[in-house]
Amino acid sequence: MDASGLFWVLIKFGGPVLLLAVLGWAIWRNKKSRIPEEVTEAGTRRVYREEEQARREGRDGDENA
């Protein structure tokens, strides 16, 4: 097999294998959340509460409405 044939085999088979390996690693890494869901939910509730309070006080930043 000449060099161009070997290069074609690497492209044809090595590329998809490398792509699958990277995708698998990314999915595995994404499943391990560093922040517990409870902390995220509590933060979301706090932000919603602050925004609702600002809206009720008339300081929601919508002066043009």
PDB file of N, CA and C in Angstrom:
ATOM      1  N   MET A   1       0.851  -1.174   0.000  1.00  0.00           N
ATOM      2  CA  MET A   1       0.000   0.000   0.000  1.00  0.00           C
ATOM      3  C   MET A   1       0.899   1.239   0.000  1.00  0.00           C
ATOM      4  N   ASP A   2       0.608   2.154  -0.885  1.00  0.00           N
ATOM      5  CA  ASP A   2       1.403   3.383  -0.945  1.00  0.00           C
ATOM      6  C   ASP A   2       0.919   4.387   0.098  1.00  0.00           C
ATOM      7  N   ALA A   3       1.588   5.505   0.206  1.00  0.00           N
ATOM      8  CA  ALA A   3       1.296   6.501   1.239  1.00  0.00           C
ATOM      9  C   ALA A   3      -0.089   7.111   1.065  1.00  0.00           C
ATOM     10  N   SER A   4      -0.511   7.319  -0.173  1.00  0.00           N
ATOM     11  CA  SER A   4      -1.828   7.922  -0.375  1.00  0.00           C
ATOM     12  C   SER A   4      -2.933   6.957   0.042  1.00  0.00           C
ATOM     13  N   GLY A   5      -2.719   5.663  -0.158  1.00  0.00           N
ATOM     14  CA  GLY A   5      -3.710   4.674   0.278  1.00  0.00           C
ATOM     15  C   GLY A   5      -3.813   4.618   1.789  1.00  0.00           C
ATOM     16  N   LEU A   6      -2.667   4.674   2.461  1.00  0.00           N
ATOM     17  CA  LEU A   6      -2.662   4.670   3.928  1.00  0.00           C
ATOM     18  C   LEU A   6      -3.338   5.928   4.465  1.00  0.00           C
ATOM     19  N   PHE A   7      -3.056   7.067   3.839  1.00  0.00           N
ATOM     20  CA  PHE A   7      -3.680   8.319   4.252  1.00  0.00           C
ATOM     21  C   PHE A   7      -5.202   8.241   4.096  1.00  0.00           C
ATOM     22  N   TRP A   8      -5.668   7.642   3.008  1.00  0.00           N
ATOM     23  CA  TRP A   8      -7.106   7.520   2.773  1.00  0.00           C
ATOM     24  C   TRP A   8      -7.752   6.612   3.816  1.00  0.00           C
ATOM     25  N   VAL A   9      -7.073   5.532   4.182  1.00  0.00           N
ATOM     26  CA  VAL A   9      -7.602   4.636   5.218  1.00  0.00           C
ATOM     27  C   VAL A   9      -7.687   5.379   6.550  1.00  0.00           C
ATOM     28  N   LEU A  10      -6.669   6.161   6.882  1.00  0.00           N
ATOM     29  CA  LEU A  10      -6.704   6.933   8.133  1.00  0.00           C
ATOM     30  C   LEU A  10      -7.849   7.934   8.139  1.00  0.00           C
ATOM     31  N   ILE A  11      -8.075   8.587   7.015  1.00  0.00           N
ATOM     32  CA  ILE A  11      -9.176   9.550   6.927  1.00  0.00           C
ATOM     33  C   ILE A  11     -10.521   8.830   7.032  1.00  0.00           C
ATOM     34  N   LYS A  12     -10.652   7.740   6.318  1.00  0.00           N
ATOM     35  CA  LYS A  12     -11.935   7.047   6.235  1.00  0.00           C
ATOM     36  C   LYS A  12     -12.326   6.359   7.538  1.00  0.00           C
ATOM     37  N   PHE A  13     -11.360   5.800   8.256  1.00  0.00           N
ATOM     38  CA  PHE A  13     -11.683   5.049   9.470  1.00  0.00           C
ATOM     39  C   PHE A  13     -11.226   5.752  10.746  1.00  0.00           C
ATOM     40  N   GLY A  14     -10.120   6.425  10.696  1.00  0.00           N
ATOM     41  CA  GLY A  14      -9.611   7.100  11.890  1.00  0.00           C
ATOM     42  C   GLY A  14     -10.430   8.314  12.274  1.00  0.00           C
ATOM     43  N   GLY A  15     -10.909   9.049  11.289  1.00  0.00           N
ATOM     44  CA  GLY A  15     -11.718  10.244  11.562  1.00  0.00           C
ATOM     45  C   GLY A  15     -12.992   9.940  12.321  1.00  0.00           C
ATOM     46  N   PRO A  16     -13.811   8.998  11.815  1.00  0.00           N
ATOM     47  CA  PRO A  16     -15.040   8.670  12.555  1.00  0.00           C
ATOM     48  C   PRO A  16     -14.769   8.104  13.947  1.00  0.00           C
ATOM     49  N   VAL A  17     -13.720   7.305  14.086  1.00  0.00           N
ATOM     50  CA  VAL A  17     -13.389   6.761  15.400  1.00  0.00           C
ATOM     51  C   VAL A  17     -13.004   7.891  16.347  1.00  0.00           C
ATOM     52  N   LEU A  18     -12.194   8.814  15.867  1.00  0.00           N
ATOM     53  CA  LEU A  18     -11.799   9.962  16.679  1.00  0.00           C
ATOM     54  C   LEU A  18     -13.016  10.819  17.032  1.00  0.00           C
ATOM     55  N   LEU A  19     -13.891  11.046  16.077  1.00  0.00           N
ATOM     56  CA  LEU A  19     -15.099  11.831  16.317  1.00  0.00           C
ATOM     57  C   LEU A  19     -15.979  11.163  17.377  1.00  0.00           C
ATOM     58  N   LEU A  20     -16.180   9.858  17.278  1.00  0.00           N
ATOM     59  CA  LEU A  20     -16.982   9.140  18.276  1.00  0.00           C
ATOM     60  C   LEU A  20     -16.335   9.211  19.654  1.00  0.00           C
ATOM     61  N   ALA A  21     -15.021   9.107  19.701  1.00  0.00           N
ATOM     62  CA  ALA A  21     -14.327   9.191  20.985  1.00  0.00           C
ATOM     63  C   ALA A  21     -14.519  10.569  21.626  1.00  0.00           C
ATOM     64  N   VAL A  22     -14.403  11.612  20.829  1.00  0.00           N
ATOM     65  CA  VAL A  22     -14.574  12.970  21.355  1.00  0.00           C
ATOM     66  C   VAL A  22     -16.018  13.195  21.788  1.00  0.00           C
ATOM     67  N   LEU A  23     -16.970  12.743  21.007  1.00  0.00           N
ATOM     68  CA  LEU A  23     -18.381  12.892  21.385  1.00  0.00           C
ATOM     69  C   LEU A  23     -18.692  12.113  22.660  1.00  0.00           C
ATOM     70  N   GLY A  24     -18.178  10.910  22.766  1.00  0.00           N
ATOM     71  CA  GLY A  24     -18.389  10.114  23.979  1.00  0.00           C
ATOM     72  C   GLY A  24     -17.807  10.789  25.203  1.00  0.00           C
ATOM     73  N   TRP A  25     -16.607  11.332  25.055  1.00  0.00           N
ATOM     74  CA  TRP A  25     -15.975  12.033  26.167  1.00  0.00           C
ATOM     75  C   TRP A  25     -16.798  13.257  26.574  1.00  0.00           C
ATOM     76  N   ALA A  26     -17.287  14.009  25.587  1.00  0.00           N
ATOM     77  CA  ALA A  26     -18.066  15.218  25.881  1.00  0.00           C
ATOM     78  C   ALA A  26     -19.373  14.869  26.593  1.00  0.00           C
ATOM     79  N   ILE A  27     -20.037  13.829  26.158  1.00  0.00           N
ATOM     80  CA  ILE A  27     -21.289  13.416  26.805  1.00  0.00           C
ATOM     81  C   ILE A  27     -21.012  12.956  28.226  1.00  0.00           C
ATOM     82  N   TRP A  28     -19.973  12.161  28.409  1.00  0.00           N
ATOM     83  CA  TRP A  28     -19.614  11.677  29.739  1.00  0.00           C
ATOM     84  C   TRP A  28     -19.264  12.838  30.660  1.00  0.00           C
ATOM     85  N   ARG A  29     -18.513  13.788  30.138  1.00  0.00           N
ATOM     86  CA  ARG A  29     -18.087  14.931  30.940  1.00  0.00           C
ATOM     87  C   ARG A  29     -19.267  15.824  31.298  1.00  0.00           C
ATOM     88  N   ASN A  30     -20.230  15.952  30.394  1.00  0.00           N
ATOM     89  CA  ASN A  30     -21.386  16.817  30.626  1.00  0.00           C
ATOM     90  C   ASN A  30     -22.320  16.227  31.682  1.00  0.00           C
ATOM     91  N   LYS A  31     -22.358  14.922  31.822  1.00  0.00           N
ATOM     92  CA  LYS A  31     -23.244  14.301  32.800  1.00  0.00           C
ATOM     93  C   LYS A  31     -22.766  14.534  34.231  1.00  0.00           C
ATOM     94  N   LYS A  32     -21.493  14.790  34.404  1.00  0.00           N
ATOM     95  CA  LYS A  32     -20.964  15.042  35.736  1.00  0.00           C
ATOM     96  C   LYS A  32     -21.073  16.521  36.044  1.00  0.00           C
ATOM     97  N   SER A  33     -22.215  16.947  36.525  1.00  0.00           N
ATOM     98  CA  SER A  33     -22.414  18.357  36.849  1.00  0.00           C
ATOM     99  C   SER A  33     -21.631  18.707  38.103  1.00  0.00           C
ATOM    100  N   ARG A  34     -20.961  19.835  38.063  1.00  0.00           N
ATOM    101  CA  ARG A  34     -20.187  20.280  39.212  1.00  0.00           C
ATOM    102  C   ARG A  34     -21.064  20.981  40.242  1.00  0.00           C
ATOM    103  N   ILE A  35     -22.217  21.480  39.810  1.00  0.00           N
ATOM    104  CA  ILE A  35     -23.110  22.208  40.702  1.00  0.00           C
ATOM    105  C   ILE A  35     -24.359  21.356  40.909  1.00  0.00           C
ATOM    106  N   PRO A  36     -24.685  21.047  42.156  1.00  0.00           N
ATOM    107  CA  PRO A  36     -25.898  20.254  42.399  1.00  0.00           C
ATOM    108  C   PRO A  36     -27.149  20.970  41.878  1.00  0.00           C
ATOM    109  N   GLU A  37     -28.117  20.204  41.459  1.00  0.00           N
ATOM    110  CA  GLU A  37     -29.344  20.771  40.883  1.00  0.00           C
ATOM    111  C   GLU A  37     -30.077  21.650  41.893  1.00  0.00           C
ATOM    112  N   GLU A  38     -30.018  21.303  43.163  1.00  0.00           N
ATOM    113  CA  GLU A  38     -30.707  22.097  44.188  1.00  0.00           C
ATOM    114  C   GLU A  38     -30.141  23.522  44.252  1.00  0.00           C
ATOM    115  N   VAL A  39     -28.830  23.647  44.098  1.00  0.00           N
ATOM    116  CA  VAL A  39     -28.204  24.970  44.130  1.00  0.00           C
ATOM    117  C   VAL A  39     -28.653  25.789  42.924  1.00  0.00           C
ATOM    118  N   THR A  40     -28.716  25.154  41.767  1.00  0.00           N
ATOM    119  CA  THR A  40     -29.161  25.839  40.557  1.00  0.00           C
ATOM    120  C   THR A  40     -30.613  26.285  40.691  1.00  0.00           C
ATOM    121  N   GLU A  41     -31.468  25.397  41.194  1.00  0.00           N
ATOM    122  CA  GLU A  41     -32.884  25.731  41.360  1.00  0.00           C
ATOM    123  C   GLU A  41     -33.067  26.865  42.365  1.00  0.00           C
ATOM    124  N   ALA A  42     -32.317  26.849  43.459  1.00  0.00           N
ATOM    125  CA  ALA A  42     -32.428  27.909  44.465  1.00  0.00           C
ATOM    126  C   ALA A  42     -31.997  29.254  43.865  1.00  0.00           C
ATOM    127  N   GLY A  43     -30.951  29.253  43.073  1.00  0.00           N
ATOM    128  CA  GLY A  43     -30.502  30.480  42.423  1.00  0.00           C
ATOM    129  C   GLY A  43     -31.535  31.020  41.456  1.00  0.00           C
ATOM    130  N   THR A  44     -32.168  30.123  40.711  1.00  0.00           N
ATOM    131  CA  THR A  44     -33.204  30.538  39.766  1.00  0.00           C
ATOM    132  C   THR A  44     -34.386  31.156  40.503  1.00  0.00           C
ATOM    133  N   ARG A  45     -34.810  30.518  41.588  1.00  0.00           N
ATOM    134  CA  ARG A  45     -35.925  31.066  42.367  1.00  0.00           C
ATOM    135  C   ARG A  45     -35.571  32.444  42.929  1.00  0.00           C
ATOM    136  N   ARG A  46     -34.325  32.631  43.384  1.00  0.00           N
ATOM    137  CA  ARG A  46     -33.891  33.913  43.931  1.00  0.00           C
ATOM    138  C   ARG A  46     -33.938  35.002  42.862  1.00  0.00           C
ATOM    139  N   VAL A  47     -33.465  34.694  41.668  1.00  0.00           N
ATOM    140  CA  VAL A  47     -33.465  35.683  40.584  1.00  0.00           C
ATOM    141  C   VAL A  47     -34.899  36.037  40.199  1.00  0.00           C
ATOM    142  N   TYR A  48     -35.768  35.034  40.097  1.00  0.00           N
ATOM    143  CA  TYR A  48     -37.172  35.318  39.766  1.00  0.00           C
ATOM    144  C   TYR A  48     -37.816  36.190  40.845  1.00  0.00           C
ATOM    145  N   ARG A  49     -37.523  35.904  42.101  1.00  0.00           N
ATOM    146  CA  ARG A  49     -38.088  36.673  43.208  1.00  0.00           C
ATOM    147  C   ARG A  49     -37.608  38.130  43.137  1.00  0.00           C
ATOM    148  N   GLU A  50     -36.322  38.327  42.868  1.00  0.00           N
ATOM    149  CA  GLU A  50     -35.778  39.685  42.760  1.00  0.00           C
ATOM    150  C   GLU A  50     -36.394  40.438  41.580  1.00  0.00           C
ATOM    151  N   GLU A  51     -36.558  39.769  40.448  1.00  0.00           N
ATOM    152  CA  GLU A  51     -37.153  40.418  39.280  1.00  0.00           C
ATOM    153  C   GLU A  51     -38.613  40.786  39.533  1.00  0.00           C
ATOM    154  N   GLU A  52     -39.346  39.904  40.192  1.00  0.00           N
ATOM    155  CA  GLU A  52     -40.746  40.186  40.493  1.00  0.00           C
ATOM    156  C   GLU A  52     -40.857  41.372  41.456  1.00  0.00           C
ATOM    157  N   GLN A  53     -39.982  41.434  42.442  1.00  0.00           N
ATOM    158  CA  GLN A  53     -39.990  42.556  43.380  1.00  0.00           C
ATOM    159  C   GLN A  53     -39.657  43.856  42.655  1.00  0.00           C
ATOM    160  N   ALA A  54     -38.683  43.837  41.768  1.00  0.00           N
ATOM    161  CA  ALA A  54     -38.321  45.033  41.006  1.00  0.00           C
ATOM    162  C   ALA A  54     -39.481  45.470  40.113  1.00  0.00           C
ATOM    163  N   ARG A  55     -40.184  44.516  39.520  1.00  0.00           N
ATOM    164  CA  ARG A  55     -41.322  44.859  38.660  1.00  0.00           C
ATOM    165  C   ARG A  55     -42.424  45.519  39.477  1.00  0.00           C
ATOM    166  N   ARG A  56     -42.712  44.970  40.664  1.00  0.00           N
ATOM    167  CA  ARG A  56     -43.755  45.546  41.510  1.00  0.00           C
ATOM    168  C   ARG A  56     -43.397  46.952  41.995  1.00  0.00           C
ATOM    169  N   GLU A  57     -42.125  47.190  42.211  1.00  0.00           N
ATOM    170  CA  GLU A  57     -41.672  48.511  42.686  1.00  0.00           C
ATOM    171  C   GLU A  57     -41.498  49.498  41.547  1.00  0.00           C
ATOM    172  N   GLY A  58     -41.683  49.053  40.296  1.00  0.00           N
ATOM    173  CA  GLY A  58     -41.579  49.928  39.150  1.00  0.00           C
ATOM    174  C   GLY A  58     -40.166  50.218  38.720  1.00  0.00           C
ATOM    175  N   ARG A  59     -39.216  49.410  39.112  1.00  0.00           N
ATOM    176  CA  ARG A  59     -37.837  49.634  38.721  1.00  0.00           C
ATOM    177  C   ARG A  59     -37.335  48.445  37.887  1.00  0.00           C
ATOM    178  N   ASP A  60     -38.178  48.028  36.956  1.00  0.00           N
ATOM    179  CA  ASP A  60     -37.819  46.876  36.123  1.00  0.00           C
ATOM    180  C   ASP A  60     -37.038  47.267  34.879  1.00  0.00           C
ATOM    181  N   GLY A  61     -36.724  48.544  34.728  1.00  0.00           N
ATOM    182  CA  GLY A  61     -35.893  48.981  33.608  1.00  0.00           C
ATOM    183  C   GLY A  61     -36.655  49.191  32.322  1.00  0.00           C
ATOM    184  N   ASP A  62     -37.973  49.219  32.389  1.00  0.00           N
ATOM    185  CA  ASP A  62     -38.789  49.377  31.181  1.00  0.00           C
ATOM    186  C   ASP A  62     -39.408  50.770  31.186  1.00  0.00           C
ATOM    187  N   GLU A  63     -38.588  51.824  31.087  1.00  0.00           N
ATOM    188  CA  GLU A  63     -39.071  53.189  31.148  1.00  0.00           C
ATOM    189  C   GLU A  63     -39.815  53.607  29.875  1.00  0.00           C
ATOM    190  N   ASN A  64     -39.583  52.940  28.760  1.00  0.00           N
ATOM    191  CA  ASN A  64     -40.172  53.333  27.477  1.00  0.00           C
ATOM    192  C   ASN A  64     -41.573  52.795  27.282  1.00  0.00           C
ATOM    193  N   ALA A  65     -42.051  51.966  28.136  1.00  0.00           N
ATOM    194  CA  ALA A  65     -43.373  51.334  27.924  1.00  0.00           C
ATOM    195  C   ALA A  65     -44.501  52.233  28.366  1.00  0.00           C
TER     196      ALA A  65
END
